Protein backbone atom coordinates (compact mmCIF):
# COMPACT_ATOMS: atom_id res chain seq x y z
CA MET A 1 -39.16 -65.52 14.26
CA LEU A 2 -40.07 -62.99 17.25
CA SER A 3 -43.01 -61.27 17.04
CA LEU A 4 -43.90 -57.89 17.60
CA PRO A 5 -44.38 -57.81 21.14
CA CYS A 6 -41.46 -59.83 22.27
CA LEU A 7 -39.50 -58.04 20.05
CA PHE A 8 -40.14 -54.99 21.72
CA ALA A 9 -39.71 -56.59 25.24
CA LEU A 10 -36.44 -56.94 23.98
CA LEU A 11 -35.16 -53.82 22.35
CA PHE A 12 -36.96 -52.66 26.00
CA TRP A 13 -34.51 -54.76 28.61
CA LEU A 14 -31.68 -53.95 26.32
CA TYR A 15 -31.69 -50.23 26.67
CA SER A 16 -33.52 -50.60 29.54
CA SER A 17 -29.78 -52.38 31.23
CA TRP A 18 -26.91 -51.34 28.88
CA GLY A 19 -28.50 -48.44 28.03
CA SER A 20 -28.90 -46.88 24.75
CA PRO A 21 -28.01 -48.60 21.31
CA LEU A 22 -27.08 -45.40 19.74
CA PRO A 23 -24.24 -42.86 21.05
CA GLN A 24 -25.92 -39.68 22.33
CA GLN A 25 -24.28 -36.90 20.43
CA ARG A 26 -23.00 -35.74 24.45
CA HIS A 27 -20.73 -39.10 24.88
CA ILE A 28 -19.13 -38.36 21.89
CA TYR A 29 -15.45 -38.51 22.29
CA ARG A 30 -13.53 -36.42 20.34
CA ILE A 31 -9.74 -37.43 19.19
CA LYS A 32 -6.30 -35.11 20.43
CA THR A 33 -4.23 -33.74 19.31
CA THR A 34 -1.09 -32.54 19.65
CA PRO A 35 -0.51 -29.22 20.01
CA CYS A 36 1.20 -26.86 16.57
CA THR A 37 4.59 -26.12 17.58
CA ALA A 38 4.09 -23.95 14.78
CA ALA A 39 5.22 -20.03 17.10
CA ARG A 40 0.95 -18.79 16.25
CA ASN A 41 0.42 -14.75 16.08
CA GLN A 42 4.49 -13.42 15.91
CA ARG A 43 4.61 -9.75 15.00
CA LYS A 44 4.99 -9.39 11.47
CA PRO A 45 8.01 -7.76 10.58
CA ALA A 46 8.71 -3.68 10.53
CA TRP A 47 9.44 -3.47 7.08
CA VAL A 48 5.80 -5.43 5.93
CA LYS A 49 4.63 -2.37 7.16
CA GLU A 50 6.26 0.11 5.46
CA ALA A 51 5.61 -1.52 2.44
CA ILE A 52 2.14 -2.51 2.45
CA ILE A 53 1.88 1.63 2.56
CA ARG A 54 3.64 2.32 0.21
CA LEU A 55 1.76 -0.16 -1.89
CA LYS A 56 -1.10 1.82 -0.42
CA ALA A 57 -0.13 4.83 -1.41
CA GLU A 58 1.19 3.96 -4.41
CA THR A 59 -1.28 1.96 -5.90
CA ASN A 60 -4.79 2.75 -4.74
CA LEU A 61 -6.01 -0.56 -4.56
CA SER A 62 -8.44 -2.68 -2.45
CA CYS A 63 -7.01 -4.32 0.64
CA TYR A 64 -7.94 -7.81 -0.79
CA LYS A 65 -6.03 -7.09 -3.98
CA LEU A 66 -3.05 -5.55 -1.41
CA ALA A 67 -2.67 -8.46 0.36
CA ALA A 68 -2.80 -10.17 -3.10
CA THR A 69 -0.37 -7.79 -5.09
CA PHE A 70 2.25 -8.35 -1.69
CA ASN A 71 1.75 -11.94 -1.47
CA GLN A 72 3.22 -12.47 -4.97
CA LEU A 73 5.77 -10.04 -4.37
CA TYR A 74 6.93 -11.00 -1.15
CA ALA A 75 5.33 -14.55 0.05
CA ALA A 76 8.20 -16.82 -2.59
CA GLU A 77 11.54 -14.30 -1.78
CA LYS A 78 11.34 -13.68 1.59
CA GLY A 79 8.88 -15.65 3.16
CA VAL A 80 6.06 -14.31 4.36
CA THR A 81 2.19 -13.69 3.74
CA VAL A 82 -0.30 -11.40 4.57
CA GLY A 83 -3.76 -11.30 4.88
CA LYS A 84 -7.18 -8.65 4.30
CA THR A 85 -7.07 -8.28 7.82
CA PHE A 86 -3.57 -7.47 8.84
CA VAL A 87 -3.68 -5.28 5.57
CA ALA A 88 -7.07 -3.43 7.16
CA GLU A 89 -6.10 -2.79 10.16
CA THR A 90 -2.81 -1.50 8.45
CA VAL A 91 -3.77 1.39 6.15
CA ARG A 92 -6.43 2.32 8.86
CA ALA A 93 -4.09 2.89 11.20
CA HIS A 94 -1.24 4.90 8.41
CA ALA A 95 -3.35 6.38 7.38
CA TYR A 96 -1.89 9.49 7.80
CA GLU A 97 1.11 8.09 6.23
CA ILE A 98 -0.35 6.92 2.92
CA GLY A 99 -1.68 10.37 2.88
CA GLN A 100 1.67 12.54 3.21
CA LEU A 101 3.50 10.42 0.58
CA ARG A 102 0.65 11.21 -2.40
CA GLU A 103 1.12 14.29 -0.88
CA HIS A 104 4.92 14.27 -1.24
CA TRP A 105 5.05 12.69 -4.51
CA LYS A 106 2.76 14.43 -6.26
CA ARG A 107 4.76 17.54 -5.15
CA GLN A 108 8.22 16.28 -6.45
CA ARG A 109 10.10 18.56 -8.86
CA PRO A 110 10.20 15.35 -12.27
CA ARG A 111 13.37 14.89 -12.71
CA PRO A 112 15.51 16.95 -14.75
CA MET A 113 15.65 15.48 -18.71
CA PRO A 114 17.60 15.93 -21.85
CA ARG A 115 16.87 18.93 -24.20
CA ASN A 116 15.69 18.36 -27.30
CA THR A 117 15.09 14.40 -26.89
CA ILE A 118 11.81 14.21 -25.92
CA TRP A 119 8.72 15.80 -28.05
CA ALA A 120 5.32 16.41 -27.21
CA MET A 121 1.79 17.75 -29.59
CA ASP A 122 -1.21 18.19 -27.76
CA ILE A 123 -5.15 19.34 -28.98
CA THR A 124 -7.41 21.32 -26.82
CA GLY A 125 -10.05 24.03 -26.16
CA LYS A 126 -10.53 27.47 -25.27
CA GLY A 127 -13.20 29.65 -25.10
CA ASP A 128 -13.97 33.07 -26.24
CA GLN A 129 -16.27 35.20 -25.12
CA GLN A 130 -19.36 34.47 -27.94
CA SER A 131 -19.49 30.94 -26.27
CA TYR A 132 -16.90 29.71 -28.85
CA SER A 133 -14.88 26.90 -28.98
CA HIS A 134 -11.05 27.54 -31.36
CA SER A 135 -9.27 24.72 -31.07
CA ILE A 136 -5.54 25.02 -29.64
CA LEU A 137 -2.72 23.31 -31.27
CA GLY A 138 0.74 22.64 -29.10
CA ILE A 139 4.15 21.37 -28.64
CA LEU A 140 5.81 20.82 -25.69
CA ASN A 141 9.56 19.79 -25.33
CA TYR A 142 9.94 17.28 -22.77
CA GLY A 143 13.18 18.99 -21.59
CA SER A 144 13.67 22.10 -20.86
CA ARG A 145 9.16 21.98 -20.98
CA MET A 146 9.01 25.37 -22.92
CA ALA A 147 6.26 25.60 -25.43
CA LEU A 148 7.49 25.21 -28.68
CA ALA A 149 4.26 26.22 -30.27
CA LEU A 150 0.53 27.53 -29.72
CA ILE A 151 -1.33 26.99 -33.94
CA GLN A 152 -4.75 28.14 -33.10
CA PHE A 153 -6.74 25.96 -36.25
CA MET A 154 -9.12 28.46 -38.22
CA LYS A 155 -12.67 27.92 -37.67
CA SER A 156 -14.64 24.76 -39.56
CA SER A 157 -17.52 23.64 -41.54
CA ASN A 158 -17.88 20.31 -41.54
CA SER A 159 -16.81 20.30 -45.27
CA ASP A 160 -13.05 21.33 -44.74
CA SER A 161 -10.71 19.94 -41.95
CA GLY A 162 -9.25 23.31 -40.95
CA PHE A 163 -5.55 23.28 -41.53
């Protein structure tokens, strides 16, 4: 059995002749890997930007949800995916086009529909000069966009229905 001073002397001699028994951080060698053969930083096809602009104009989703929606729609079919950063940069660069698409869709004339097929009914209120609210029932024809009936309800209390 070695005494403690002899053990320290032996370690000192090993350290001075061979260097540190533990490798230092700067002497660790990295494993070299083969370079990636896939092309990086390729431009996305033009239809990708157009699809993102259309989706943003239609849905007004966040960049995260827009990227997820795009990937869900096109990743399996066309093999193209997008990230949040790409979507954010595209939306920022094409904000004017997105606004123009929304305005165009908002101002579009509705498609013609056959008459007397779909009707709608709605109740609204209209105030008079004495600040009383009057309930009005409207019946509309979708095809001709004609108001078929506007009926004012009688004033009612809580006890009777007012019809």
